[in-house]
Amino acid sequence: MKNSTLIKGTAAIAVGAALLLGGRGTLAAWNDSVSAAPGTITAGTLDVAKTAAGVWKDRANNTINDINAYRVVPGDKLTFTQDVDVTLTGDKMAASITAVGTGEANGFTSTNVSISGPSLAIGGTPITNNLSQSANVQKVTATITFEFLASTSGQSDVNKTYNFGNVGFTLQQVVAGAGLVANAS
């Protein structure tokens, strides 16, 4: 009887140990944790807004009051100047301003009209794209040039129209450090 009790006790201990080891049970193990509290991340800002109506000028720098009534001829060069407010906030924020709506789909053929720009200036001082972040709103003047080439021959593009209603400016984020110009505003 003693043997039977001893065998049963030994078997119970062996089964318990097997369950603990096979089931990966815990014996007494210490652990601890702490909250890191890394803070809050806030997104930056990228914004462009026009501040007033743009201005058209001819090759002689005369203001064109009604672009819809102006009739271009080969050799004309028109400039459109638009003041925009640019807001760029954020560590390593940078952006480029591009002209949109100036393509051949809007009217004249590219063999007869050369479009360049935008050229940019802040406070009358020319700058290059790309703009970098600034603590203040940057007052940027963007200029697009439309040159109606003197080499236009025959009756090419006669009585054709060009829809300037689609012309605008896009501010697009770029990789910081890629050709940045420090802008003080």
Protein backbone atom coordinates (compact mmCIF):
# COMPACT_ATOMS: atom_id res chain seq x y z
CA MET A 1 0.00 0.00 0.00
CA LYS A 2 2.87 2.30 0.73
CA ASN A 3 4.33 1.50 -2.64
CA SER A 4 1.08 2.28 -4.36
CA THR A 5 0.79 5.65 -2.62
CA LEU A 6 4.42 6.42 -3.41
CA ILE A 7 3.95 5.47 -7.07
CA LYS A 8 0.76 7.53 -7.32
CA GLY A 9 2.46 10.55 -5.69
CA THR A 10 5.50 10.28 -7.94
CA ALA A 11 3.24 9.98 -11.00
CA ALA A 12 1.24 13.04 -9.93
CA ILE A 13 4.45 15.08 -9.53
CA ALA A 14 5.73 13.90 -12.92
CA VAL A 15 2.42 14.78 -14.65
CA GLY A 16 2.39 18.25 -12.96
CA ALA A 17 5.98 18.94 -14.01
CA ALA A 18 5.23 17.82 -17.57
CA LEU A 19 2.20 20.09 -17.72
CA LEU A 20 4.21 23.05 -16.43
CA LEU A 21 7.10 22.47 -18.85
CA GLY A 22 4.99 21.43 -21.85
CA GLY A 23 2.39 24.16 -21.34
CA ARG A 24 5.10 26.75 -20.82
CA GLY A 25 3.56 27.64 -17.55
CA THR A 26 5.07 30.34 -15.43
CA LEU A 27 6.89 29.74 -12.31
CA ALA A 28 7.69 33.04 -10.60
CA ALA A 29 9.03 35.60 -13.19
CA TRP A 30 9.28 39.33 -12.59
CA ASN A 31 8.28 41.91 -15.18
CA ASP A 32 7.70 45.66 -15.32
CA SER A 33 6.60 48.28 -17.90
CA VAL A 34 6.69 52.03 -18.37
CA SER A 35 4.86 54.42 -20.74
CA ALA A 36 7.19 56.23 -23.17
CA ALA A 37 4.92 59.32 -23.64
CA PRO A 38 6.57 60.43 -26.93
CA GLY A 39 4.36 63.52 -27.39
CA THR A 40 2.10 64.67 -30.23
CA ILE A 41 2.94 65.05 -33.91
CA THR A 42 1.37 67.98 -35.77
CA ALA A 43 1.20 68.22 -39.57
CA GLY A 44 2.57 71.28 -41.36
CA THR A 45 0.81 73.50 -43.90
CA LEU A 46 1.12 74.00 -47.64
CA ASP A 47 -1.16 76.69 -49.11
CA VAL A 48 -1.25 79.09 -52.05
CA ALA A 49 -3.84 81.84 -52.48
CA LYS A 50 -4.13 84.71 -54.95
CA THR A 51 -4.28 88.12 -53.32
CA ALA A 52 -5.68 90.20 -56.21
CA ALA A 53 -6.46 89.94 -59.90
CA GLY A 54 -3.48 89.23 -62.15
CA VAL A 55 -2.09 91.83 -64.54
CA TRP A 56 -1.47 91.48 -68.30
CA LYS A 57 1.25 93.51 -70.06
CA ASP A 58 2.45 93.67 -73.66
CA ARG A 59 6.02 93.62 -74.99
CA ALA A 60 6.34 97.41 -74.34
CA ASN A 61 5.29 96.83 -70.69
CA ASN A 62 1.91 98.53 -71.24
CA THR A 63 -0.94 97.20 -69.10
CA ILE A 64 -3.66 95.39 -71.03
CA ASN A 65 -6.94 96.26 -69.32
CA ASP A 66 -9.15 93.72 -71.12
CA ILE A 67 -7.31 90.61 -72.30
CA ASN A 68 -10.55 89.39 -73.92
CA ALA A 69 -10.51 92.38 -76.31
CA TYR A 70 -6.76 92.21 -77.11
CA ARG A 71 -5.86 90.75 -80.54
CA VAL A 72 -2.39 89.20 -80.77
CA VAL A 73 -0.24 89.07 -83.89
CA PRO A 74 3.00 87.24 -84.59
CA GLY A 75 5.80 88.97 -82.68
CA ASP A 76 3.63 89.91 -79.68
CA LYS A 77 4.88 88.99 -76.23
CA LEU A 78 2.38 89.05 -73.36
CA THR A 79 3.16 88.57 -69.68
CA PHE A 80 0.70 87.59 -66.99
CA THR A 81 1.73 88.48 -63.44
CA GLN A 82 -0.11 87.12 -60.42
CA ASP A 83 0.67 87.85 -56.76
CA VAL A 84 0.11 84.86 -54.50
CA ASP A 85 0.49 84.23 -50.79
CA VAL A 86 2.45 81.05 -50.08
CA THR A 87 2.30 79.39 -46.68
CA LEU A 88 4.83 76.63 -46.00
CA THR A 89 5.18 75.40 -42.46
CA GLY A 90 6.77 72.20 -41.30
CA ASP A 91 10.24 70.92 -40.63
CA LYS A 92 11.91 70.29 -43.99
CA MET A 93 8.90 71.70 -45.90
CA ALA A 94 9.67 72.76 -49.47
CA ALA A 95 7.49 73.35 -52.51
CA SER A 96 7.63 74.32 -56.15
CA ILE A 97 5.23 76.63 -57.99
CA THR A 98 4.27 75.53 -61.50
CA ALA A 99 1.98 77.04 -64.12
CA VAL A 100 -1.01 74.97 -65.20
CA GLY A 101 -3.48 75.39 -68.05
CA THR A 102 -0.87 76.80 -70.44
CA GLY A 103 -0.67 73.89 -72.84
CA GLU A 104 -1.60 73.52 -76.48
CA ALA A 105 -5.00 72.11 -75.49
CA ASN A 106 -6.05 75.66 -74.58
CA GLY A 107 -5.69 77.09 -78.09
CA PHE A 108 -2.66 78.09 -80.14
CA THR A 109 -0.20 75.50 -81.41
CA SER A 110 3.19 75.18 -79.72
CA THR A 111 4.96 75.92 -83.02
CA ASN A 112 3.42 79.41 -82.96
CA VAL A 113 3.41 80.26 -79.25
CA SER A 114 6.25 79.87 -76.77
CA ILE A 115 5.20 79.75 -73.11
CA SER A 116 7.68 80.15 -70.27
CA GLY A 117 7.45 80.44 -66.55
CA PRO A 118 6.52 80.95 -64.01
CA SER A 119 9.38 83.17 -63.02
CA LEU A 120 9.17 84.06 -59.33
CA ALA A 121 10.03 87.09 -57.22
CA ILE A 122 9.63 88.11 -53.60
CA GLY A 123 9.57 91.84 -52.91
CA GLY A 124 10.79 92.51 -56.45
CA THR A 125 13.85 90.28 -56.02
CA PRO A 126 13.92 87.31 -58.41
CA ILE A 127 14.10 83.91 -56.77
CA THR A 128 14.33 80.38 -58.10
CA ASN A 129 11.96 77.53 -57.44
CA ASN A 130 11.90 75.76 -54.86
CA LEU A 131 10.50 77.68 -51.94
CA SER A 132 11.40 76.69 -48.39
CA GLN A 133 9.45 77.04 -45.20
CA SER A 134 9.09 80.45 -43.67
CA ALA A 135 7.75 81.69 -40.35
CA ASN A 136 5.58 84.15 -42.30
CA VAL A 137 3.36 84.03 -45.35
CA GLN A 138 5.58 84.56 -48.39
CA LYS A 139 4.33 87.20 -50.85
CA VAL A 140 5.36 85.70 -54.19
CA THR A 141 4.93 87.27 -57.63
CA ALA A 142 4.61 84.65 -60.37
CA THR A 143 4.96 85.64 -64.04
CA ILE A 144 4.13 83.58 -67.14
CA THR A 145 5.25 84.75 -70.60
CA PHE A 146 3.31 84.00 -73.80
CA GLU A 147 5.34 84.86 -76.91
CA PHE A 148 3.50 84.70 -80.21
CA LEU A 149 6.39 83.79 -82.47
CA ALA A 150 7.31 86.07 -85.37
CA SER A 151 8.21 82.91 -87.32
CA THR A 152 4.51 82.03 -87.60
CA SER A 153 3.85 81.69 -91.30
CA GLY A 154 0.90 81.93 -93.63
CA GLN A 155 -2.48 82.03 -91.95
CA SER A 156 -1.53 79.70 -89.09
CA ASP A 157 -3.66 80.31 -85.98
CA VAL A 158 -5.48 83.28 -87.59
CA ASN A 159 -8.74 84.01 -85.70
CA LYS A 160 -7.90 81.26 -83.21
CA THR A 161 -8.56 81.85 -79.52
CA TYR A 162 -6.60 80.89 -76.44
CA ASN A 163 -8.55 80.07 -73.29
CA PHE A 164 -6.67 81.73 -70.45
CA GLY A 165 -9.47 80.80 -68.04
CA ASN A 166 -7.63 77.58 -67.21
CA VAL A 167 -4.29 79.25 -66.42
CA GLY A 168 -3.30 79.00 -62.78
CA PHE A 169 -0.57 78.04 -60.37
CA THR A 170 0.02 74.83 -58.46
CA LEU A 171 2.08 74.60 -55.29
CA GLN A 172 3.53 71.09 -55.03
CA GLN A 173 5.57 69.75 -52.13
CA VAL A 174 9.07 68.63 -53.12
CA VAL A 175 11.86 66.85 -51.28
CA ALA A 176 13.52 69.28 -48.89
CA GLY A 177 17.09 70.16 -49.82
CA ALA A 178 16.55 69.64 -53.56
CA GLY A 179 17.56 73.06 -54.90
CA LEU A 180 16.09 75.07 -52.03
CA VAL A 181 16.21 78.82 -51.90
CA ALA A 182 16.02 80.36 -48.44
CA ASN A 183 13.25 82.90 -48.56
CA ALA A 184 13.09 85.58 -45.93
CA SER A 185 9.68 87.11 -45.45
